[in-house]
Amino acid sequence: MIMTNLFRRGMALISAGAILLLSACASYPADDTPEGGPQVLMAYVDAFNARDIDALGNLIHPDIEWWSITDDGAELVFMGRDTLTDNMEDYFDEADAVTTELSGWAIAGPYVSANETVRWTDEDGVQRSQAALVIYELSGDDQVRRVWYYPAVDAE
């Protein structure tokens, strides 16, 4: 599908289009839908918020792919469980009390979309937050197989 420049530039349109697309794709056979769905992702968020690398590692597929969606297309950011967990360890060592939460679920077979809101305190002591649309693909064994992360916007 070819996306127009206007479509790619509008975060609202991207978010709405992805949610509508996922909501309309309910034709996946039932056996293609992972059992855990949002429960797996809530466990993933809990592990992130607890900075529990082992728990995170158990919830992601060995061949995980983490994609960043930009105005120019998609960029593969991380590939493989070890790469992602190593980067998360470094991130946790550097970041101050970052927490995340998911809301606004849409499920279509192995794909789950949600709004992710991240909160932290900046170097000046000011509470900050950002939100982004994220789409997860879950494997048949209820592990996160792929992540497509759309551009974040201020959530305040």
Protein backbone atom coordinates (compact mmCIF):
# COMPACT_ATOMS: atom_id res chain seq x y z
CA MET A 1 0.00 0.00 0.00
CA ILE A 2 1.39 3.39 -0.95
CA MET A 3 0.94 6.05 1.73
CA THR A 4 0.76 9.70 0.79
CA ASN A 5 3.10 12.21 2.39
CA LEU A 6 0.15 13.83 4.13
CA PHE A 7 -0.86 10.52 5.65
CA ARG A 8 2.66 9.75 6.86
CA ARG A 9 2.98 13.17 8.48
CA GLY A 10 -0.23 13.00 10.48
CA MET A 11 0.24 10.99 13.68
CA ALA A 12 -3.48 11.08 14.29
CA LEU A 13 -4.17 9.63 10.86
CA ILE A 14 -1.50 6.97 11.28
CA SER A 15 -2.88 5.96 14.66
CA ALA A 16 -6.47 5.96 13.51
CA GLY A 17 -5.65 4.05 10.33
CA ALA A 18 -3.69 1.39 12.19
CA ILE A 19 -6.40 0.93 14.79
CA LEU A 20 -9.13 0.73 12.15
CA LEU A 21 -7.07 -1.70 10.10
CA LEU A 22 -6.43 -3.94 13.09
CA SER A 23 -10.04 -3.76 14.22
CA ALA A 24 -11.25 -4.74 10.76
CA CYS A 25 -8.89 -7.72 10.44
CA ALA A 26 -10.90 -10.13 12.57
CA SER A 27 -10.65 -12.86 9.94
CA TYR A 28 -7.68 -14.67 11.53
CA PRO A 29 -8.49 -18.26 12.45
CA ALA A 30 -8.98 -18.72 16.20
CA ASP A 31 -5.93 -20.99 16.47
CA ASP A 32 -3.71 -18.14 15.19
CA THR A 33 -4.63 -15.93 18.14
CA PRO A 34 -2.18 -16.25 21.01
CA GLU A 35 -3.80 -17.31 24.27
CA GLY A 36 -2.42 -14.51 26.46
CA GLY A 37 -2.89 -11.41 24.28
CA PRO A 38 -3.05 -8.36 26.55
CA GLN A 39 -2.12 -10.46 29.60
CA VAL A 40 1.28 -11.21 28.05
CA LEU A 41 1.79 -7.53 27.31
CA MET A 42 0.75 -6.48 30.81
CA ALA A 43 3.33 -8.94 32.20
CA TYR A 44 5.86 -7.38 29.81
CA VAL A 45 5.00 -3.87 31.08
CA ASP A 46 5.17 -5.06 34.70
CA ALA A 47 8.64 -6.53 34.05
CA PHE A 48 9.75 -3.28 32.37
CA ASN A 49 8.47 -1.15 35.25
CA ALA A 50 10.21 -3.48 37.75
CA ARG A 51 13.40 -3.36 35.62
CA ASP A 52 13.39 -7.17 35.63
CA ILE A 53 15.59 -8.20 32.68
CA ASP A 54 15.05 -11.94 33.29
CA ALA A 55 11.26 -11.57 33.22
CA LEU A 56 11.49 -9.40 30.08
CA GLY A 57 13.69 -12.01 28.43
CA ASN A 58 11.16 -14.75 29.16
CA LEU A 59 8.38 -12.75 27.51
CA ILE A 60 10.16 -11.97 24.24
CA HIS A 61 10.84 -14.31 21.35
CA PRO A 62 14.50 -15.25 20.69
CA ASP A 63 14.20 -13.63 17.23
CA ILE A 64 12.29 -10.51 18.31
CA GLU A 65 12.31 -7.56 15.92
CA TRP A 66 11.76 -4.02 17.21
CA TRP A 67 10.76 -1.54 14.48
CA SER A 68 10.52 2.22 14.69
CA ILE A 69 7.97 3.76 12.33
CA THR A 70 9.02 7.18 11.02
CA ASP A 71 7.80 9.66 8.42
CA ASP A 72 10.20 7.99 5.98
CA GLY A 73 9.15 4.39 6.62
CA ALA A 74 10.32 1.77 9.09
CA GLU A 75 13.70 1.21 10.72
CA LEU A 76 14.79 -2.03 12.40
CA VAL A 77 16.10 -0.91 15.80
CA PHE A 78 16.76 -4.23 17.56
CA MET A 79 16.83 -7.84 16.42
CA GLY A 80 17.19 -10.76 18.78
CA ARG A 81 16.45 -11.30 22.46
CA ASP A 82 20.05 -10.85 23.60
CA THR A 83 20.43 -7.54 21.77
CA LEU A 84 17.19 -6.18 23.20
CA THR A 85 17.86 -7.30 26.79
CA ASP A 86 21.46 -5.97 26.66
CA ASN A 87 20.15 -2.59 25.49
CA MET A 88 17.42 -2.61 28.15
CA GLU A 89 20.04 -3.28 30.84
CA ASP A 90 22.04 -0.27 29.64
CA TYR A 91 18.86 1.83 29.48
CA PHE A 92 17.86 0.89 33.03
CA ASP A 93 21.35 1.81 34.26
CA GLU A 94 21.03 5.30 32.72
CA ALA A 95 17.33 6.17 33.01
CA ASP A 96 15.68 7.53 36.15
CA ALA A 97 12.42 5.87 37.20
CA VAL A 98 10.80 5.58 33.78
CA THR A 99 7.44 3.81 33.88
CA THR A 100 5.08 2.80 31.12
CA GLU A 101 1.46 1.73 30.80
CA LEU A 102 -0.70 0.39 27.99
CA SER A 103 -4.34 1.24 27.25
CA GLY A 104 -6.85 1.25 24.40
CA TRP A 105 -6.39 -2.32 23.18
CA ALA A 106 -7.32 -3.60 19.72
CA ILE A 107 -6.72 -7.26 18.90
CA ALA A 108 -6.61 -8.97 15.50
CA GLY A 109 -5.28 -12.50 15.59
CA PRO A 110 -1.65 -12.38 16.74
CA TYR A 111 -1.55 -8.55 16.55
CA VAL A 112 -2.32 -6.34 19.53
CA SER A 113 -2.26 -2.56 19.31
CA ALA A 114 -2.27 -0.26 22.30
CA ASN A 115 -1.54 3.28 23.34
CA GLU A 116 1.66 3.37 25.37
CA THR A 117 2.21 6.20 27.83
CA VAL A 118 5.69 6.63 29.29
CA ARG A 119 6.29 8.80 32.37
CA TRP A 120 9.51 10.08 33.92
CA THR A 121 11.03 12.99 35.81
CA ASP A 122 13.47 15.09 33.80
CA GLU A 123 16.79 16.52 35.05
CA ASP A 124 14.98 19.64 36.33
CA GLY A 125 12.59 17.58 38.44
CA VAL A 126 9.64 18.15 36.08
CA GLN A 127 7.22 15.26 35.52
CA ARG A 128 7.06 14.41 31.80
CA SER A 129 5.09 11.96 29.69
CA GLN A 130 4.84 10.84 26.10
CA ALA A 131 2.37 8.60 24.30
CA ALA A 132 2.68 6.47 21.18
CA LEU A 133 0.79 3.86 19.26
CA VAL A 134 2.50 0.49 19.46
CA ILE A 135 1.61 -2.73 17.68
CA TYR A 136 2.82 -6.06 19.02
CA GLU A 137 2.87 -9.37 17.20
CA LEU A 138 2.69 -12.32 19.58
CA SER A 139 4.06 -15.73 18.67
CA GLY A 140 2.06 -18.92 19.17
CA ASP A 141 3.89 -19.49 22.45
CA ASP A 142 2.76 -16.11 23.83
CA GLN A 143 6.03 -14.27 23.39
CA VAL A 144 6.48 -10.83 21.84
CA ARG A 145 7.76 -11.57 18.31
CA ARG A 146 7.68 -8.12 16.67
CA VAL A 147 7.05 -4.57 17.83
CA TRP A 148 6.18 -1.58 15.63
CA TYR A 149 6.58 1.63 17.60
CA TYR A 150 5.08 4.80 16.12
CA PRO A 151 6.44 8.30 16.85
CA ALA A 152 5.84 9.51 20.39
CA VAL A 153 3.97 12.73 21.13
CA ASP A 154 3.70 14.75 24.34
CA ALA A 155 0.98 13.23 26.50
CA GLU A 156 0.41 16.32 28.62
